[in-house]
Amino acid sequence: MEKNIKYSCSLTGNLYCIKEMLLFREMNNFLVCDVNAKVNEKGIWCNPNRKEIEKAIEKQVFDGLLNKKLKIPSFFLESIENNLKLKVLNLIGLARKAGLLEIGYEKVSHALKKNAVDVVIIAKGAEIRNSLFEEKDDKYKILLNKYFTSEEIGKAIGYKKVLCVALIVSKLSNTLKLDFYRLGKFKLN
């Protein structure tokens, strides 16, 4: 069993599990964020708090930590968010290929009743959030997410539009939960 060792955030000094953090490094005098970094890679590991990253960019903290004047594009923070979203959508597509995804309201409801899923993704604006979803969310800590449109979810799994999907409990669902955590922390702040 893997231990959740806590590491210090380079920006705040607060402790986080390294899997919950983002890796920043320099590439050709540009600051880059590697959302796919492995835990053993070198660089500046930071918590995914958008406000703290913005503040660090403003105060040129990354320049000091890397001992180099870095170029940071104006769309840098948006690209981090887009890369985090893309990673989640790619994992959803991978889950479908692996047969670990329930697609559609009826299948998701049935899987929830059987306690077979631990991640449910409902499209933004979809009015299908019912008492079953809310009960499972509160009682069993099912991760509910509404970051994506029905078109984005559908495109990730090869459909035109999809209102809801659920990921069957697996190692892949644990990975997806970590990526949702990082995306949620980045978006909320």
C-alpha atoms as a PDB file:
ATOM      1  CA  MET A   1       0.000   0.000   0.000  1.00  0.00           C
ATOM      2  CA  GLU A   2       1.316   3.418  -0.961  1.00  0.00           C
ATOM      3  CA  LYS A   3       1.857   5.974   1.783  1.00  0.00           C
ATOM      4  CA  ASN A   4       0.534   9.504   1.461  1.00  0.00           C
ATOM      5  CA  ILE A   5       3.669  11.348   2.503  1.00  0.00           C
ATOM      6  CA  LYS A   6       3.200  15.094   2.820  1.00  0.00           C
ATOM      7  CA  TYR A   7       5.514  17.525   1.034  1.00  0.00           C
ATOM      8  CA  SER A   8       5.973  21.244   1.496  1.00  0.00           C
ATOM      9  CA  CYS A   9       4.483  23.576  -1.111  1.00  0.00           C
ATOM     10  CA  SER A  10       7.285  25.734  -2.589  1.00  0.00           C
ATOM     11  CA  LEU A  11       5.029  28.815  -2.505  1.00  0.00           C
ATOM     12  CA  THR A  12       3.359  28.602   0.908  1.00  0.00           C
ATOM     13  CA  GLY A  13       5.268  26.015   2.922  1.00  0.00           C
ATOM     14  CA  ASN A  14       1.996  24.202   3.689  1.00  0.00           C
ATOM     15  CA  LEU A  15       2.039  20.400   3.560  1.00  0.00           C
ATOM     16  CA  TYR A  16       0.228  18.461   0.819  1.00  0.00           C
ATOM     17  CA  CYS A  17       0.311  14.981  -0.633  1.00  0.00           C
ATOM     18  CA  ILE A  18       2.576  15.334  -3.676  1.00  0.00           C
ATOM     19  CA  LYS A  19      -0.059  13.719  -5.923  1.00  0.00           C
ATOM     20  CA  GLU A  20      -2.342  16.674  -5.147  1.00  0.00           C
ATOM     21  CA  MET A  21       0.255  19.216  -6.274  1.00  0.00           C
ATOM     22  CA  LEU A  22       1.277  20.729  -9.610  1.00  0.00           C
ATOM     23  CA  LEU A  23       4.841  20.686 -10.967  1.00  0.00           C
ATOM     24  CA  PHE A  24       6.344  23.868 -12.398  1.00  0.00           C
ATOM     25  CA  ARG A  25       9.654  24.062 -14.215  1.00  0.00           C
ATOM     26  CA  GLU A  26      11.595  26.134 -16.705  1.00  0.00           C
ATOM     27  CA  MET A  27      11.792  25.224 -20.379  1.00  0.00           C
ATOM     28  CA  ASN A  28      13.601  27.522 -22.850  1.00  0.00           C
ATOM     29  CA  ASN A  29      13.253  30.459 -20.416  1.00  0.00           C
ATOM     30  CA  PHE A  30       9.472  29.929 -20.121  1.00  0.00           C
ATOM     31  CA  LEU A  31       7.634  28.799 -16.988  1.00  0.00           C
ATOM     32  CA  VAL A  32       5.652  25.627 -17.709  1.00  0.00           C
ATOM     33  CA  CYS A  33       3.249  23.593 -15.619  1.00  0.00           C
ATOM     34  CA  ASP A  34       3.361  19.839 -16.155  1.00  0.00           C
ATOM     35  CA  VAL A  35      -0.042  18.441 -15.095  1.00  0.00           C
ATOM     36  CA  ASN A  36       1.102  14.932 -16.086  1.00  0.00           C
ATOM     37  CA  ALA A  37       4.277  14.947 -13.972  1.00  0.00           C
ATOM     38  CA  LYS A  38       5.262  11.824 -12.075  1.00  0.00           C
ATOM     39  CA  VAL A  39       5.909  12.216  -8.354  1.00  0.00           C
ATOM     40  CA  ASN A  40       9.643  11.549  -8.723  1.00  0.00           C
ATOM     41  CA  GLU A  41      10.257  14.389 -11.212  1.00  0.00           C
ATOM     42  CA  LYS A  42      12.240  17.463 -10.226  1.00  0.00           C
ATOM     43  CA  GLY A  43      10.949  21.005 -10.252  1.00  0.00           C
ATOM     44  CA  ILE A  44       8.837  23.304  -8.115  1.00  0.00           C
ATOM     45  CA  TRP A  45       5.931  21.394  -6.572  1.00  0.00           C
ATOM     46  CA  CYS A  46       3.056  23.656  -5.513  1.00  0.00           C
ATOM     47  CA  ASN A  47      -0.490  23.274  -4.313  1.00  0.00           C
ATOM     48  CA  PRO A  48      -3.012  23.862  -7.115  1.00  0.00           C
ATOM     49  CA  ASN A  49      -4.444  27.067  -5.628  1.00  0.00           C
ATOM     50  CA  ARG A  50      -4.917  29.507  -8.514  1.00  0.00           C
ATOM     51  CA  LYS A  51      -4.747  32.657  -6.355  1.00  0.00           C
ATOM     52  CA  GLU A  52      -1.460  31.608  -4.792  1.00  0.00           C
ATOM     53  CA  ILE A  53       0.006  30.787  -8.207  1.00  0.00           C
ATOM     54  CA  GLU A  54      -1.189  34.175  -9.556  1.00  0.00           C
ATOM     55  CA  LYS A  55       0.366  35.936  -6.587  1.00  0.00           C
ATOM     56  CA  ALA A  56       3.651  34.037  -7.071  1.00  0.00           C
ATOM     57  CA  ILE A  57       3.729  35.054 -10.741  1.00  0.00           C
ATOM     58  CA  GLU A  58       3.036  38.694  -9.841  1.00  0.00           C
ATOM     59  CA  LYS A  59       5.816  38.758  -7.255  1.00  0.00           C
ATOM     60  CA  GLN A  60       8.181  36.802  -9.553  1.00  0.00           C
ATOM     61  CA  VAL A  61       8.599  34.042  -6.964  1.00  0.00           C
ATOM     62  CA  PHE A  62       9.206  31.431  -9.675  1.00  0.00           C
ATOM     63  CA  ASP A  63      12.094  33.563 -11.021  1.00  0.00           C
ATOM     64  CA  GLY A  64      13.718  33.470  -7.594  1.00  0.00           C
ATOM     65  CA  LEU A  65      13.110  29.764  -7.039  1.00  0.00           C
ATOM     66  CA  LEU A  66      14.596  28.838 -10.425  1.00  0.00           C
ATOM     67  CA  ASN A  67      17.311  31.556 -10.349  1.00  0.00           C
ATOM     68  CA  LYS A  68      16.293  32.754 -13.785  1.00  0.00           C
ATOM     69  CA  LYS A  69      14.186  35.518 -15.347  1.00  0.00           C
ATOM     70  CA  LEU A  70      11.242  33.601 -16.801  1.00  0.00           C
ATOM     71  CA  LYS A  71       8.794  34.485 -19.535  1.00  0.00           C
ATOM     72  CA  ILE A  72       5.191  33.770 -18.606  1.00  0.00           C
ATOM     73  CA  PRO A  73       2.538  33.989 -21.353  1.00  0.00           C
ATOM     74  CA  SER A  74      -0.636  35.964 -20.647  1.00  0.00           C
ATOM     75  CA  PHE A  75      -2.715  32.795 -21.094  1.00  0.00           C
ATOM     76  CA  PHE A  76      -0.607  30.742 -18.651  1.00  0.00           C
ATOM     77  CA  LEU A  77      -3.297  30.194 -15.984  1.00  0.00           C
ATOM     78  CA  GLU A  78      -5.970  29.388 -18.571  1.00  0.00           C
ATOM     79  CA  SER A  79      -3.639  26.827 -20.137  1.00  0.00           C
ATOM     80  CA  ILE A  80      -3.164  25.113 -16.757  1.00  0.00           C
ATOM     81  CA  GLU A  81      -6.941  24.877 -16.308  1.00  0.00           C
ATOM     82  CA  ASN A  82      -7.424  23.628 -19.873  1.00  0.00           C
ATOM     83  CA  ASN A  83      -4.694  20.998 -19.434  1.00  0.00           C
ATOM     84  CA  LEU A  84      -6.266  19.793 -16.177  1.00  0.00           C
ATOM     85  CA  LYS A  85      -9.673  19.547 -17.893  1.00  0.00           C
ATOM     86  CA  LEU A  86      -8.160  17.712 -20.845  1.00  0.00           C
ATOM     87  CA  LYS A  87      -6.463  15.230 -18.531  1.00  0.00           C
ATOM     88  CA  VAL A  88      -9.784  14.472 -16.814  1.00  0.00           C
ATOM     89  CA  LEU A  89     -11.616  14.094 -20.126  1.00  0.00           C
ATOM     90  CA  ASN A  90      -8.884  11.778 -21.436  1.00  0.00           C
ATOM     91  CA  LEU A  91      -9.242   9.621 -18.316  1.00  0.00           C
ATOM     92  CA  ILE A  92     -13.005   9.436 -18.880  1.00  0.00           C
ATOM     93  CA  GLY A  93     -12.355   8.269 -22.442  1.00  0.00           C
ATOM     94  CA  LEU A  94      -9.852   5.708 -21.171  1.00  0.00           C
ATOM     95  CA  ALA A  95     -12.408   4.469 -18.627  1.00  0.00           C
ATOM     96  CA  ARG A  96     -14.899   3.884 -21.450  1.00  0.00           C
ATOM     97  CA  LYS A  97     -12.365   1.886 -23.446  1.00  0.00           C
ATOM     98  CA  ALA A  98     -11.556  -0.159 -20.337  1.00  0.00           C
ATOM     99  CA  GLY A  99     -15.251  -0.905 -19.737  1.00  0.00           C
ATOM    100  CA  LEU A 100     -15.273   1.039 -16.462  1.00  0.00           C
ATOM    101  CA  LEU A 101     -17.826   3.694 -17.422  1.00  0.00           C
ATOM    102  CA  GLU A 102     -21.606   3.704 -17.030  1.00  0.00           C
ATOM    103  CA  ILE A 103     -23.235   6.033 -19.556  1.00  0.00           C
ATOM    104  CA  GLY A 104     -26.686   7.583 -19.242  1.00  0.00           C
ATOM    105  CA  TYR A 105     -29.070   8.308 -16.410  1.00  0.00           C
ATOM    106  CA  GLU A 106     -30.599   4.823 -16.088  1.00  0.00           C
ATOM    107  CA  LYS A 107     -27.261   2.976 -16.040  1.00  0.00           C
ATOM    108  CA  VAL A 108     -25.726   5.508 -13.638  1.00  0.00           C
ATOM    109  CA  SER A 109     -28.743   5.281 -11.285  1.00  0.00           C
ATOM    110  CA  HIS A 110     -28.604   1.475 -11.345  1.00  0.00           C
ATOM    111  CA  ALA A 111     -24.842   1.456 -10.606  1.00  0.00           C
ATOM    112  CA  LEU A 112     -25.336   3.945  -7.755  1.00  0.00           C
ATOM    113  CA  LYS A 113     -27.976   1.724  -6.169  1.00  0.00           C
ATOM    114  CA  LYS A 114     -25.507  -1.185  -6.314  1.00  0.00           C
ATOM    115  CA  ASN A 115     -22.689   0.995  -4.822  1.00  0.00           C
ATOM    116  CA  ALA A 116     -20.537   0.129  -7.846  1.00  0.00           C
ATOM    117  CA  VAL A 117     -19.337   3.661  -8.672  1.00  0.00           C
ATOM    118  CA  ASP A 118     -17.489   6.372  -6.833  1.00  0.00           C
ATOM    119  CA  VAL A 119     -17.318   9.172  -9.432  1.00  0.00           C
ATOM    120  CA  VAL A 120     -20.377  10.652 -11.166  1.00  0.00           C
ATOM    121  CA  ILE A 121     -20.070  13.361 -13.781  1.00  0.00           C
ATOM    122  CA  ILE A 122     -23.170  15.350 -14.630  1.00  0.00           C
ATOM    123  CA  ALA A 123     -23.131  17.891 -17.474  1.00  0.00           C
ATOM    124  CA  LYS A 124     -23.311  21.584 -16.602  1.00  0.00           C
ATOM    125  CA  GLY A 125     -26.891  22.753 -16.530  1.00  0.00           C
ATOM    126  CA  ALA A 126     -28.325  19.243 -16.644  1.00  0.00           C
ATOM    127  CA  GLU A 127     -31.440  19.026 -14.498  1.00  0.00           C
ATOM    128  CA  ILE A 128     -31.040  15.362 -13.572  1.00  0.00           C
ATOM    129  CA  ARG A 129     -29.574  15.801 -10.125  1.00  0.00           C
ATOM    130  CA  ASN A 130     -32.122  13.929  -8.066  1.00  0.00           C
ATOM    131  CA  SER A 131     -32.383  12.648  -4.514  1.00  0.00           C
ATOM    132  CA  LEU A 132     -30.506   9.431  -5.367  1.00  0.00           C
ATOM    133  CA  PHE A 133     -27.431  11.400  -6.441  1.00  0.00           C
ATOM    134  CA  GLU A 134     -27.642  13.740  -3.451  1.00  0.00           C
ATOM    135  CA  GLU A 135     -28.172  10.889  -0.971  1.00  0.00           C
ATOM    136  CA  LYS A 136     -25.205   8.928  -2.321  1.00  0.00           C
ATOM    137  CA  ASP A 137     -23.065  12.078  -2.408  1.00  0.00           C
ATOM    138  CA  ASP A 138     -23.723  12.836   1.267  1.00  0.00           C
ATOM    139  CA  LYS A 139     -23.833   9.308   2.649  1.00  0.00           C
ATOM    140  CA  TYR A 140     -21.207   7.469   0.616  1.00  0.00           C
ATOM    141  CA  LYS A 141     -19.008  10.349  -0.515  1.00  0.00           C
ATOM    142  CA  ILE A 142     -19.617   9.853  -4.217  1.00  0.00           C
ATOM    143  CA  LEU A 143     -17.705  12.514  -6.120  1.00  0.00           C
ATOM    144  CA  LEU A 144     -20.198  14.549  -8.148  1.00  0.00           C
ATOM    145  CA  ASN A 145     -18.799  16.884 -10.753  1.00  0.00           C
ATOM    146  CA  LYS A 146     -20.439  19.497 -12.977  1.00  0.00           C
ATOM    147  CA  TYR A 147     -17.420  21.139 -14.680  1.00  0.00           C
ATOM    148  CA  PHE A 148     -18.096  19.886 -18.192  1.00  0.00           C
ATOM    149  CA  THR A 149     -20.756  20.448 -20.824  1.00  0.00           C
ATOM    150  CA  SER A 150     -22.691  17.543 -22.303  1.00  0.00           C
ATOM    151  CA  GLU A 151     -20.747  18.074 -25.547  1.00  0.00           C
ATOM    152  CA  GLU A 152     -17.358  17.850 -23.769  1.00  0.00           C
ATOM    153  CA  ILE A 153     -18.338  14.642 -21.968  1.00  0.00           C
ATOM    154  CA  GLY A 154     -19.788  13.182 -25.162  1.00  0.00           C
ATOM    155  CA  LYS A 155     -16.712  14.010 -27.232  1.00  0.00           C
ATOM    156  CA  ALA A 156     -14.444  12.346 -24.637  1.00  0.00           C
ATOM    157  CA  ILE A 157     -16.310   9.041 -24.977  1.00  0.00           C
ATOM    158  CA  GLY A 158     -17.295   9.123 -28.639  1.00  0.00           C
ATOM    159  CA  TYR A 159     -20.874  10.415 -28.436  1.00  0.00           C
ATOM    160  CA  LYS A 160     -22.465  13.672 -29.511  1.00  0.00           C
ATOM    161  CA  LYS A 161     -23.904  14.681 -26.105  1.00  0.00           C
ATOM    162  CA  VAL A 162     -23.991  12.886 -22.765  1.00  0.00           C
ATOM    163  CA  LEU A 163     -25.756  14.185 -19.637  1.00  0.00           C
ATOM    164  CA  CYS A 164     -24.175  11.880 -17.072  1.00  0.00           C
ATOM    165  CA  VAL A 165     -21.575   9.170 -16.685  1.00  0.00           C
ATOM    166  CA  ALA A 166     -20.239   7.239 -13.708  1.00  0.00           C
ATOM    167  CA  LEU A 167     -16.871   5.615 -13.219  1.00  0.00           C
ATOM    168  CA  ILE A 168     -16.875   2.158 -11.677  1.00  0.00           C
ATOM    169  CA  VAL A 169     -14.729   1.833  -8.549  1.00  0.00           C
ATOM    170  CA  SER A 170     -11.163   1.084  -9.708  1.00  0.00           C
ATOM    171  CA  LYS A 171      -7.595   2.393  -9.651  1.00  0.00           C
ATOM    172  CA  LEU A 172      -8.585   4.612 -12.557  1.00  0.00           C
ATOM    173  CA  SER A 173     -11.392   6.163 -10.498  1.00  0.00           C
ATOM    174  CA  ASN A 174      -8.855   6.957  -7.749  1.00  0.00           C
ATOM    175  CA  THR A 175      -6.634   8.685 -10.310  1.00  0.00           C
ATOM    176  CA  LEU A 176      -9.632  10.593 -11.621  1.00  0.00           C
ATOM    177  CA  LYS A 177     -10.516  11.737  -8.097  1.00  0.00           C
ATOM    178  CA  LEU A 178      -7.010  13.199  -7.674  1.00  0.00           C
ATOM    179  CA  ASP A 179      -7.264  15.034 -10.979  1.00  0.00           C
ATOM    180  CA  PHE A 180     -10.719  16.358 -10.051  1.00  0.00           C
ATOM    181  CA  TYR A 181      -9.263  17.535  -6.736  1.00  0.00           C
ATOM    182  CA  ARG A 182      -6.524  19.490  -8.530  1.00  0.00           C
ATOM    183  CA  LEU A 183      -8.966  20.916 -11.078  1.00  0.00           C
ATOM    184  CA  GLY A 184     -11.451  21.844  -8.355  1.00  0.00           C
ATOM    185  CA  LYS A 185      -8.806  23.578  -6.238  1.00  0.00           C
ATOM    186  CA  PHE A 186      -7.541  25.453  -9.272  1.00  0.00           C
ATOM    187  CA  LYS A 187     -11.042  26.538 -10.405  1.00  0.00           C
ATOM    188  CA  LEU A 188     -12.415  27.465  -6.970  1.00  0.00           C
ATOM    189  CA  ASN A 189      -9.763  29.989  -6.153  1.00  0.00           C
END
